[in-house]
């Protein structure tokens, strides 16, 4: 089982406050996604550019999420220019830069 990242970039088509209201509703559903360990939300209010980083336990979970309703709703709703990238985590390099504790088997099991 290889941890897998999804990076999603987008540009808002709605005001930031409206996006945040939408995102609060979506966050609870996203938190329940099978295999999701964590998600980090990034949003530049001045430009309306957003980046989300997700870590999944495995590629199957990541791919299912990327093809699922959360991404479709983002595209159809508050954002445009939505791009998704999926990549397996390189555990060796990630350990050098401080991510080892987040990729440890115990974290993966309890996620």
C-alpha atoms as a PDB file:
ATOM      1  CA  UNK A   1       0.000   0.000   0.000  1.00  0.00           C
ATOM      2  CA  UNK A   2       1.658   3.223  -1.202  1.00  0.00           C
ATOM      3  CA  UNK A   3       0.435   6.541   0.204  1.00  0.00           C
ATOM      4  CA  UNK A   4      -0.796   8.743  -2.625  1.00  0.00           C
ATOM      5  CA  UNK A   5      -1.123  12.500  -2.969  1.00  0.00           C
ATOM      6  CA  UNK A   6      -3.741  14.439  -4.848  1.00  0.00           C
ATOM      7  CA  UNK A   7      -3.080  18.083  -5.637  1.00  0.00           C
ATOM      8  CA  UNK A   8      -6.026  20.122  -6.846  1.00  0.00           C
ATOM      9  CA  UNK A   9      -5.625  23.665  -8.128  1.00  0.00           C
ATOM     10  CA  UNK A  10      -8.491  25.960  -9.047  1.00  0.00           C
ATOM     11  CA  UNK A  11      -9.640  29.542  -9.494  1.00  0.00           C
ATOM     12  CA  UNK A  12     -12.717  30.826  -7.726  1.00  0.00           C
ATOM     13  CA  UNK A  13     -15.666  32.086  -9.730  1.00  0.00           C
ATOM     14  CA  UNK A  14     -17.481  33.215  -6.576  1.00  0.00           C
ATOM     15  CA  UNK A  15     -16.505  35.542  -3.715  1.00  0.00           C
ATOM     16  CA  UNK A  16     -14.208  34.012  -1.077  1.00  0.00           C
ATOM     17  CA  UNK A  17     -16.907  34.152   1.633  1.00  0.00           C
ATOM     18  CA  UNK A  18     -19.296  32.203  -0.588  1.00  0.00           C
ATOM     19  CA  UNK A  19     -16.601  29.641  -1.327  1.00  0.00           C
ATOM     20  CA  UNK A  20     -15.833  29.203   2.367  1.00  0.00           C
ATOM     21  CA  UNK A  21     -19.514  28.601   3.128  1.00  0.00           C
ATOM     22  CA  UNK A  22     -19.609  25.962   0.375  1.00  0.00           C
ATOM     23  CA  UNK A  23     -16.319  24.469   1.591  1.00  0.00           C
ATOM     24  CA  UNK A  24     -17.527  24.138   5.194  1.00  0.00           C
ATOM     25  CA  UNK A  25     -20.388  21.985   3.985  1.00  0.00           C
ATOM     26  CA  UNK A  26     -18.115  19.967   1.700  1.00  0.00           C
ATOM     27  CA  UNK A  27     -15.382  19.528   4.346  1.00  0.00           C
ATOM     28  CA  UNK A  28     -17.464  17.176   6.478  1.00  0.00           C
ATOM     29  CA  UNK A  29     -18.150  14.936   3.483  1.00  0.00           C
ATOM     30  CA  UNK A  30     -14.529  15.074   2.333  1.00  0.00           C
ATOM     31  CA  UNK A  31     -13.333  14.084   5.821  1.00  0.00           C
ATOM     32  CA  UNK A  32     -15.294  10.836   5.461  1.00  0.00           C
ATOM     33  CA  UNK A  33     -13.734   9.866   2.116  1.00  0.00           C
ATOM     34  CA  UNK A  34     -12.455   6.280   2.229  1.00  0.00           C
ATOM     35  CA  UNK A  35      -8.687   6.176   2.610  1.00  0.00           C
ATOM     36  CA  UNK A  36      -8.258   9.912   3.289  1.00  0.00           C
ATOM     37  CA  UNK A  37      -5.609  10.637   5.920  1.00  0.00           C
ATOM     38  CA  UNK A  38      -5.667  14.430   5.685  1.00  0.00           C
ATOM     39  CA  UNK A  39      -6.417  17.416   3.522  1.00  0.00           C
ATOM     40  CA  UNK A  40      -4.799  20.851   3.624  1.00  0.00           C
ATOM     41  CA  UNK A  41      -6.701  23.805   2.176  1.00  0.00           C
ATOM     42  CA  UNK A  42      -4.773  26.684   0.586  1.00  0.00           C
ATOM     43  CA  UNK A  43      -6.456  29.829  -0.693  1.00  0.00           C
ATOM     44  CA  UNK A  44      -4.991  33.141  -1.838  1.00  0.00           C
ATOM     45  CA  UNK A  45      -7.832  35.557  -1.154  1.00  0.00           C
ATOM     46  CA  UNK A  46      -6.294  38.319  -3.270  1.00  0.00           C
ATOM     47  CA  UNK A  47      -6.217  36.233  -6.455  1.00  0.00           C
ATOM     48  CA  UNK A  48      -8.898  33.626  -5.784  1.00  0.00           C
ATOM     49  CA  UNK A  49      -6.411  30.866  -6.546  1.00  0.00           C
ATOM     50  CA  UNK A  50      -6.702  27.742  -4.446  1.00  0.00           C
ATOM     51  CA  UNK A  51      -4.635  24.641  -3.922  1.00  0.00           C
ATOM     52  CA  UNK A  52      -5.697  21.597  -1.948  1.00  0.00           C
ATOM     53  CA  UNK A  53      -3.385  18.780  -0.960  1.00  0.00           C
ATOM     54  CA  UNK A  54      -4.802  15.404   0.055  1.00  0.00           C
ATOM     55  CA  UNK A  55      -2.996  12.361   1.370  1.00  0.00           C
ATOM     56  CA  UNK A  56      -4.652   8.990   0.830  1.00  0.00           C
ATOM     57  CA  UNK A  57      -3.602   5.581   2.134  1.00  0.00           C
ATOM     58  CA  UNK A  58      -3.358   4.166  -1.388  1.00  0.00           C
ATOM     59  CA  UNK A  59      -3.752   4.972  -5.066  1.00  0.00           C
ATOM     60  CA  UNK A  60      -7.141   3.258  -5.420  1.00  0.00           C
ATOM     61  CA  UNK A  61      -8.648   5.515  -2.743  1.00  0.00           C
ATOM     62  CA  UNK A  62      -7.035   8.596  -4.279  1.00  0.00           C
ATOM     63  CA  UNK A  63      -8.247   7.779  -7.784  1.00  0.00           C
ATOM     64  CA  UNK A  64     -11.774   7.043  -6.565  1.00  0.00           C
ATOM     65  CA  UNK A  65     -11.884  10.374  -4.769  1.00  0.00           C
ATOM     66  CA  UNK A  66     -10.498  12.309  -7.745  1.00  0.00           C
ATOM     67  CA  UNK A  67     -13.208  10.843  -9.971  1.00  0.00           C
ATOM     68  CA  UNK A  68     -15.944  11.330  -7.370  1.00  0.00           C
ATOM     69  CA  UNK A  69     -18.556  13.933  -6.514  1.00  0.00           C
ATOM     70  CA  UNK A  70     -16.387  16.332  -4.488  1.00  0.00           C
ATOM     71  CA  UNK A  71     -14.225  17.197  -7.495  1.00  0.00           C
ATOM     72  CA  UNK A  72     -17.235  17.319  -9.819  1.00  0.00           C
ATOM     73  CA  UNK A  73     -19.080  19.651  -7.432  1.00  0.00           C
ATOM     74  CA  UNK A  74     -16.051  21.948  -7.242  1.00  0.00           C
ATOM     75  CA  UNK A  75     -15.938  22.166 -11.048  1.00  0.00           C
ATOM     76  CA  UNK A  76     -19.688  22.702 -11.425  1.00  0.00           C
ATOM     77  CA  UNK A  77     -19.974  25.127  -8.523  1.00  0.00           C
ATOM     78  CA  UNK A  78     -17.598  27.637  -6.981  1.00  0.00           C
ATOM     79  CA  UNK A  79     -14.449  27.028  -9.051  1.00  0.00           C
ATOM     80  CA  UNK A  80     -13.149  26.903 -12.585  1.00  0.00           C
ATOM     81  CA  UNK A  81      -9.849  25.874 -14.131  1.00  0.00           C
ATOM     82  CA  UNK A  82      -9.790  22.863 -11.801  1.00  0.00           C
ATOM     83  CA  UNK A  83      -6.735  20.674 -12.318  1.00  0.00           C
ATOM     84  CA  UNK A  84      -6.058  17.427 -10.479  1.00  0.00           C
ATOM     85  CA  UNK A  85      -2.753  15.601 -10.173  1.00  0.00           C
ATOM     86  CA  UNK A  86      -2.250  12.236  -8.517  1.00  0.00           C
ATOM     87  CA  UNK A  87       1.171  10.951  -7.503  1.00  0.00           C
ATOM     88  CA  UNK A  88       2.473   8.164  -5.284  1.00  0.00           C
ATOM     89  CA  UNK A  89       4.425   9.463  -2.316  1.00  0.00           C
ATOM     90  CA  UNK A  90       8.185   8.987  -2.418  1.00  0.00           C
ATOM     91  CA  UNK A  91       8.623   7.909   1.207  1.00  0.00           C
ATOM     92  CA  UNK A  92      12.428   8.133   1.168  1.00  0.00           C
ATOM     93  CA  UNK A  93      12.611  11.728  -0.018  1.00  0.00           C
ATOM     94  CA  UNK A  94       9.601  12.696   2.102  1.00  0.00           C
ATOM     95  CA  UNK A  95      11.350  11.350   5.216  1.00  0.00           C
ATOM     96  CA  UNK A  96      14.321  13.646   4.587  1.00  0.00           C
ATOM     97  CA  UNK A  97      12.024  16.672   4.549  1.00  0.00           C
ATOM     98  CA  UNK A  98      10.139  15.779   7.736  1.00  0.00           C
ATOM     99  CA  UNK A  99       7.148  13.762   6.548  1.00  0.00           C
ATOM    100  CA  UNK A 100       8.223  10.373   7.937  1.00  0.00           C
ATOM    101  CA  UNK A 101       6.013  10.593  11.015  1.00  0.00           C
ATOM    102  CA  UNK A 102       2.993  11.324   8.824  1.00  0.00           C
ATOM    103  CA  UNK A 103       3.718   8.308   6.644  1.00  0.00           C
ATOM    104  CA  UNK A 104       4.465   5.851   9.477  1.00  0.00           C
ATOM    105  CA  UNK A 105       2.477   2.606   9.473  1.00  0.00           C
ATOM    106  CA  UNK A 106       0.795   3.493  12.786  1.00  0.00           C
ATOM    107  CA  UNK A 107      -0.480   6.770  11.322  1.00  0.00           C
ATOM    108  CA  UNK A 108      -1.623   4.943   8.224  1.00  0.00           C
ATOM    109  CA  UNK A 109      -3.645   2.503  10.273  1.00  0.00           C
ATOM    110  CA  UNK A 110      -5.360   5.101  12.437  1.00  0.00           C
ATOM    111  CA  UNK A 111      -5.419   7.943   9.909  1.00  0.00           C
END
